[in-house]
PDB file of N, CA and C in Angstrom:
ATOM      1  N   UNK A   1    -218.535  -6.506  33.596  1.00  0.00           N
ATOM      2  CA  UNK A   1    -218.636  -5.473  34.596  1.00  0.00           C
ATOM      3  C   UNK A   1    -217.438  -5.604  35.539  1.00  0.00           C
ATOM      4  N   UNK A   2    -216.866  -4.530  35.935  1.00  0.00           N
ATOM      5  CA  UNK A   2    -215.709  -4.545  36.825  1.00  0.00           C
ATOM      6  C   UNK A   2    -216.149  -4.521  38.277  1.00  0.00           C
ATOM      7  N   UNK A   3    -215.334  -5.133  39.087  1.00  0.00           N
ATOM      8  CA  UNK A   3    -215.643  -5.121  40.519  1.00  0.00           C
ATOM      9  C   UNK A   3    -215.052  -3.864  41.153  1.00  0.00           C
ATOM     10  N   UNK A   4    -215.664  -3.438  42.209  1.00  0.00           N
ATOM     11  CA  UNK A   4    -215.191  -2.293  42.960  1.00  0.00           C
ATOM     12  C   UNK A   4    -214.398  -2.789  44.160  1.00  0.00           C
ATOM     13  N   UNK A   5    -213.522  -1.966  44.665  1.00  0.00           N
ATOM     14  CA  UNK A   5    -212.710  -2.328  45.821  1.00  0.00           C
ATOM     15  C   UNK A   5    -213.618  -2.707  46.995  1.00  0.00           C
ATOM     16  N   UNK A   6    -213.320  -3.839  47.599  1.00  0.00           N
ATOM     17  CA  UNK A   6    -214.084  -4.270  48.762  1.00  0.00           C
ATOM     18  C   UNK A   6    -215.232  -5.212  48.448  1.00  0.00           C
ATOM     19  N   UNK A   7    -215.490  -5.493  47.180  1.00  0.00           N
ATOM     20  CA  UNK A   7    -216.558  -6.418  46.849  1.00  0.00           C
ATOM     21  C   UNK A   7    -216.098  -7.845  47.106  1.00  0.00           C
ATOM     22  N   UNK A   8    -217.056  -8.759  47.219  1.00  0.00           N
ATOM     23  CA  UNK A   8    -216.732 -10.158  47.439  1.00  0.00           C
ATOM     24  C   UNK A   8    -216.033 -10.768  46.225  1.00  0.00           C
ATOM     25  N   UNK A   9    -216.140 -10.148  45.083  1.00  0.00           N
ATOM     26  CA  UNK A   9    -215.518 -10.674  43.877  1.00  0.00           C
ATOM     27  C   UNK A   9    -214.052 -10.265  43.748  1.00  0.00           C
ATOM     28  N   UNK A  10    -213.459  -9.753  44.804  1.00  0.00           N
ATOM     29  CA  UNK A  10    -212.068  -9.311  44.769  1.00  0.00           C
ATOM     30  C   UNK A  10    -211.081 -10.453  44.948  1.00  0.00           C
ATOM     31  N   UNK A  11    -211.541 -11.691  44.850  1.00  0.00           N
ATOM     32  CA  UNK A  11    -210.677 -12.864  44.949  1.00  0.00           C
ATOM     33  C   UNK A  11    -210.010 -12.951  46.317  1.00  0.00           C
ATOM     34  N   UNK A  12    -210.787 -12.693  47.359  1.00  0.00           N
ATOM     35  CA  UNK A  12    -210.310 -12.797  48.728  1.00  0.00           C
ATOM     36  C   UNK A  12    -211.011 -13.969  49.388  1.00  0.00           C
ATOM     37  N   UNK A  13    -210.360 -14.604  50.357  1.00  0.00           N
ATOM     38  CA  UNK A  13    -211.048 -15.687  51.055  1.00  0.00           C
ATOM     39  C   UNK A  13    -212.216 -15.145  51.877  1.00  0.00           C
ATOM     40  N   UNK A  14    -213.241 -15.947  51.999  1.00  0.00           N
ATOM     41  CA  UNK A  14    -214.407 -15.556  52.786  1.00  0.00           C
ATOM     42  C   UNK A  14    -214.078 -15.749  54.258  1.00  0.00           C
ATOM     43  N   UNK A  15    -214.309 -14.742  55.060  1.00  0.00           N
ATOM     44  CA  UNK A  15    -214.055 -14.845  56.497  1.00  0.00           C
ATOM     45  C   UNK A  15    -215.273 -15.446  57.160  1.00  0.00           C
ATOM     46  N   UNK A  16    -215.037 -16.519  57.902  1.00  0.00           N
ATOM     47  CA  UNK A  16    -216.130 -17.198  58.595  1.00  0.00           C
ATOM     48  C   UNK A  16    -215.875 -17.197  60.081  1.00  0.00           C
ATOM     49  N   UNK A  17    -216.942 -17.091  60.849  1.00  0.00           N
ATOM     50  CA  UNK A  17    -216.841 -17.158  62.301  1.00  0.00           C
ATOM     51  C   UNK A  17    -216.615 -18.612  62.700  1.00  0.00           C
ATOM     52  N   UNK A  18    -216.147 -18.843  63.917  1.00  0.00           N
ATOM     53  CA  UNK A  18    -215.967 -20.229  64.371  1.00  0.00           C
ATOM     54  C   UNK A  18    -217.258 -21.047  64.303  1.00  0.00           C
ATOM     55  N   UNK A  19    -218.375 -20.414  64.590  1.00  0.00           N
ATOM     56  CA  UNK A  19    -219.660 -21.115  64.522  1.00  0.00           C
ATOM     57  C   UNK A  19    -219.967 -21.535  63.079  1.00  0.00           C
ATOM     58  N   UNK A  20    -219.720 -20.659  62.123  1.00  0.00           N
ATOM     59  CA  UNK A  20    -219.940 -20.992  60.720  1.00  0.00           C
ATOM     60  C   UNK A  20    -218.994 -22.100  60.264  1.00  0.00           C
ATOM     61  N   UNK A  21    -217.747 -22.067  60.756  1.00  0.00           N
ATOM     62  CA  UNK A  21    -216.784 -23.104  60.403  1.00  0.00           C
ATOM     63  C   UNK A  21    -217.227 -24.464  60.932  1.00  0.00           C
ATOM     64  N   UNK A  22    -217.752 -24.495  62.160  1.00  0.00           N
ATOM     65  CA  UNK A  22    -218.239 -25.769  62.722  1.00  0.00           C
ATOM     66  C   UNK A  22    -219.418 -26.292  61.925  1.00  0.00           C
ATOM     67  N   UNK A  23    -220.302 -25.415  61.496  1.00  0.00           N
ATOM     68  CA  UNK A  23    -221.461 -25.827  60.693  1.00  0.00           C
ATOM     69  C   UNK A  23    -220.998 -26.366  59.339  1.00  0.00           C
ATOM     70  N   UNK A  24    -220.043 -25.678  58.709  1.00  0.00           N
ATOM     71  CA  UNK A  24    -219.506 -26.122  57.434  1.00  0.00           C
ATOM     72  C   UNK A  24    -218.805 -27.473  57.587  1.00  0.00           C
ATOM     73  N   UNK A  25    -218.070 -27.648  58.673  1.00  0.00           N
ATOM     74  CA  UNK A  25    -217.388 -28.916  58.927  1.00  0.00           C
ATOM     75  C   UNK A  25    -218.392 -30.057  59.047  1.00  0.00           C
ATOM     76  N   UNK A  26    -219.473 -29.818  59.762  1.00  0.00           N
ATOM     77  CA  UNK A  26    -220.513 -30.850  59.900  1.00  0.00           C
ATOM     78  C   UNK A  26    -221.143 -31.172  58.543  1.00  0.00           C
ATOM     79  N   UNK A  27    -221.390 -30.159  57.736  1.00  0.00           N
ATOM     80  CA  UNK A  27    -221.970 -30.378  56.402  1.00  0.00           C
ATOM     81  C   UNK A  27    -221.027 -31.168  55.508  1.00  0.00           C
ATOM     82  N   UNK A  28    -219.735 -30.855  55.570  1.00  0.00           N
ATOM     83  CA  UNK A  28    -218.763 -31.566  54.747  1.00  0.00           C
ATOM     84  C   UNK A  28    -218.649 -33.031  55.172  1.00  0.00           C
ATOM     85  N   UNK A  29    -218.664 -33.283  56.476  1.00  0.00           N
ATOM     86  CA  UNK A  29    -218.601 -34.662  56.960  1.00  0.00           C
ATOM     87  C   UNK A  29    -219.842 -35.440  56.533  1.00  0.00           C
ATOM     88  N   UNK A  30    -220.987 -34.795  56.576  1.00  0.00           N
ATOM     89  CA  UNK A  30    -222.230 -35.427  56.139  1.00  0.00           C
ATOM     90  C   UNK A  30    -222.180 -35.728  54.638  1.00  0.00           C
ATOM     91  N   UNK A  31    -221.651 -34.792  53.879  1.00  0.00           N
ATOM     92  CA  UNK A  31    -221.521 -34.992  52.433  1.00  0.00           C
ATOM     93  C   UNK A  31    -220.571 -36.148  52.140  1.00  0.00           C
ATOM     94  N   UNK A  32    -219.452 -36.187  52.846  1.00  0.00           N
ATOM     95  CA  UNK A  32    -218.477 -37.253  52.643  1.00  0.00           C
ATOM     96  C   UNK A  32    -219.084 -38.619  52.968  1.00  0.00           C
ATOM     97  N   UNK A  33    -219.858 -38.681  54.033  1.00  0.00           N
ATOM     98  CA  UNK A  33    -220.492 -39.943  54.411  1.00  0.00           C
ATOM     99  C   UNK A  33    -221.546 -40.372  53.404  1.00  0.00           C
ATOM    100  N   UNK A  34    -222.137 -39.422  52.706  1.00  0.00           N
ATOM    101  CA  UNK A  34    -223.223 -39.729  51.787  1.00  0.00           C
ATOM    102  C   UNK A  34    -222.831 -39.976  50.349  1.00  0.00           C
ATOM    103  N   UNK A  35    -221.567 -39.703  49.992  1.00  0.00           N
ATOM    104  CA  UNK A  35    -221.212 -39.896  48.586  1.00  0.00           C
ATOM    105  C   UNK A  35    -221.040 -41.381  48.279  1.00  0.00           C
ATOM    106  N   UNK A  36    -221.398 -41.731  47.096  1.00  0.00           N
ATOM    107  CA  UNK A  36    -221.367 -43.127  46.653  1.00  0.00           C
ATOM    108  C   UNK A  36    -219.941 -43.539  46.280  1.00  0.00           C
ATOM    109  N   UNK A  37    -219.660 -44.849  46.341  1.00  0.00           N
ATOM    110  CA  UNK A  37    -218.310 -45.327  45.999  1.00  0.00           C
ATOM    111  C   UNK A  37    -217.910 -45.056  44.545  1.00  0.00           C
ATOM    112  N   UNK A  38    -218.883 -44.948  43.658  1.00  0.00           N
ATOM    113  CA  UNK A  38    -218.558 -44.720  42.256  1.00  0.00           C
ATOM    114  C   UNK A  38    -218.256 -43.259  41.929  1.00  0.00           C
ATOM    115  N   UNK A  39    -218.398 -42.364  42.918  1.00  0.00           N
ATOM    116  CA  UNK A  39    -218.047 -40.964  42.675  1.00  0.00           C
ATOM    117  C   UNK A  39    -216.545 -40.815  42.508  1.00  0.00           C
ATOM    118  N   UNK A  40    -216.158 -39.697  41.961  1.00  0.00           N
ATOM    119  CA  UNK A  40    -214.761 -39.418  41.669  1.00  0.00           C
ATOM    120  C   UNK A  40    -213.885 -39.488  42.930  1.00  0.00           C
ATOM    121  N   UNK A  41    -212.770 -40.198  42.861  1.00  0.00           N
ATOM    122  CA  UNK A  41    -211.838 -40.214  44.000  1.00  0.00           C
ATOM    123  C   UNK A  41    -211.286 -38.824  44.302  1.00  0.00           C
ATOM    124  N   UNK A  42    -211.215 -37.992  43.285  1.00  0.00           N
ATOM    125  CA  UNK A  42    -210.735 -36.626  43.483  1.00  0.00           C
ATOM    126  C   UNK A  42    -211.693 -35.841  44.375  1.00  0.00           C
ATOM    127  N   UNK A  43    -212.995 -36.062  44.197  1.00  0.00           N
ATOM    128  CA  UNK A  43    -213.994 -35.392  45.030  1.00  0.00           C
ATOM    129  C   UNK A  43    -213.818 -35.797  46.491  1.00  0.00           C
ATOM    130  N   UNK A  44    -213.629 -37.085  46.721  1.00  0.00           N
ATOM    131  CA  UNK A  44    -213.430 -37.582  48.086  1.00  0.00           C
ATOM    132  C   UNK A  44    -212.155 -36.984  48.694  1.00  0.00           C
ATOM    133  N   UNK A  45    -211.089 -36.930  47.910  1.00  0.00           N
ATOM    134  CA  UNK A  45    -209.819 -36.373  48.383  1.00  0.00           C
ATOM    135  C   UNK A  45    -209.968 -34.895  48.716  1.00  0.00           C
ATOM    136  N   UNK A  46    -210.676 -34.171  47.882  1.00  0.00           N
ATOM    137  CA  UNK A  46    -210.895 -32.743  48.115  1.00  0.00           C
ATOM    138  C   UNK A  46    -211.688 -32.508  49.389  1.00  0.00           C
ATOM    139  N   UNK A  47    -212.741 -33.301  49.588  1.00  0.00           N
ATOM    140  CA  UNK A  47    -213.538 -33.165  50.806  1.00  0.00           C
ATOM    141  C   UNK A  47    -212.709 -33.475  52.046  1.00  0.00           C
ATOM    142  N   UNK A  48    -211.907 -34.530  51.993  1.00  0.00           N
ATOM    143  CA  UNK A  48    -211.060 -34.882  53.134  1.00  0.00           C
ATOM    144  C   UNK A  48    -210.051 -33.783  53.446  1.00  0.00           C
ATOM    145  N   UNK A  49    -209.481 -33.184  52.406  1.00  0.00           N
ATOM    146  CA  UNK A  49    -208.518 -32.103  52.614  1.00  0.00           C
ATOM    147  C   UNK A  49    -209.180 -30.898  53.261  1.00  0.00           C
ATOM    148  N   UNK A  50    -210.366 -30.552  52.798  1.00  0.00           N
ATOM    149  CA  UNK A  50    -211.081 -29.387  53.375  1.00  0.00           C
ATOM    150  C   UNK A  50    -211.498 -29.661  54.817  1.00  0.00           C
ATOM    151  N   UNK A  51    -211.894 -30.895  55.109  1.00  0.00           N
ATOM    152  CA  UNK A  51    -212.258 -31.261  56.482  1.00  0.00           C
ATOM    153  C   UNK A  51    -211.047 -31.133  57.401  1.00  0.00           C
ATOM    154  N   UNK A  52    -209.898 -31.646  56.972  1.00  0.00           N
ATOM    155  CA  UNK A  52    -208.675 -31.537  57.779  1.00  0.00           C
ATOM    156  C   UNK A  52    -208.289 -30.080  57.987  1.00  0.00           C
ATOM    157  N   UNK A  53    -208.444 -29.272  56.954  1.00  0.00           N
ATOM    158  CA  UNK A  53    -208.115 -27.850  57.049  1.00  0.00           C
ATOM    159  C   UNK A  53    -209.005 -27.151  58.087  1.00  0.00           C
ATOM    160  N   UNK A  54    -210.295 -27.424  58.040  1.00  0.00           N
ATOM    161  CA  UNK A  54    -211.212 -26.807  58.999  1.00  0.00           C
ATOM    162  C   UNK A  54    -210.950 -27.303  60.419  1.00  0.00           C
ATOM    163  N   UNK A  55    -210.667 -28.596  60.562  1.00  0.00           N
ATOM    164  CA  UNK A  55    -210.362 -29.126  61.891  1.00  0.00           C
ATOM    165  C   UNK A  55    -209.110 -28.478  62.467  1.00  0.00           C
ATOM    166  N   UNK A  56    -208.115 -28.241  61.627  1.00  0.00           N
ATOM    167  CA  UNK A  56    -206.890 -27.584  62.079  1.00  0.00           C
ATOM    168  C   UNK A  56    -207.162 -26.139  62.506  1.00  0.00           C
ATOM    169  N   UNK A  57    -208.038 -25.458  61.779  1.00  0.00           N
ATOM    170  CA  UNK A  57    -208.381 -24.074  62.139  1.00  0.00           C
ATOM    171  C   UNK A  57    -209.152 -24.021  63.444  1.00  0.00           C
ATOM    172  N   UNK A  58    -209.998 -25.010  63.684  1.00  0.00           N
ATOM    173  CA  UNK A  58    -210.825 -25.006  64.884  1.00  0.00           C
ATOM    174  C   UNK A  58    -210.109 -25.582  66.105  1.00  0.00           C
ATOM    175  N   UNK A  59    -209.029 -26.318  65.925  1.00  0.00           N
ATOM    176  CA  UNK A  59    -208.329 -26.971  67.026  1.00  0.00           C
ATOM    177  C   UNK A  59    -207.841 -25.992  68.098  1.00  0.00           C
ATOM    178  N   UNK A  60    -207.215 -24.868  67.739  1.00  0.00           N
ATOM    179  CA  UNK A  60    -206.756 -23.940  68.794  1.00  0.00           C
ATOM    180  C   UNK A  60    -207.897 -23.332  69.606  1.00  0.00           C
ATOM    181  N   UNK A  61    -209.075 -23.238  69.036  1.00  0.00           N
ATOM    182  CA  UNK A  61    -210.212 -22.642  69.730  1.00  0.00           C
ATOM    183  C   UNK A  61    -210.779 -23.579  70.782  1.00  0.00           C
ATOM    184  N   UNK A  62    -210.583 -24.864  70.610  1.00  0.00           N
ATOM    185  CA  UNK A  62    -211.148 -25.849  71.532  1.00  0.00           C
ATOM    186  C   UNK A  62    -210.329 -25.975  72.809  1.00  0.00           C
ATOM    187  N   UNK A  63    -209.101 -25.489  72.804  1.00  0.00           N
ATOM    188  CA  UNK A  63    -208.235 -25.627  73.978  1.00  0.00           C
ATOM    189  C   UNK A  63    -208.574 -24.602  75.027  1.00  0.00           C
TER     190      UNK A  63
END
């Protein structure tokens, strides 16, 4: 099935409010703290990168 213009499947980034970003950041930090040492190092690296990205996006709002 083809997507129509404006659908979420148009390969666009999801726009999140600052409140949603803070909630996602908290969830990612909780996930990172809960993963076991035997999990993939790539998973840990990906989570750390996403956390840094969200913190950078939220930093200008805190000033």
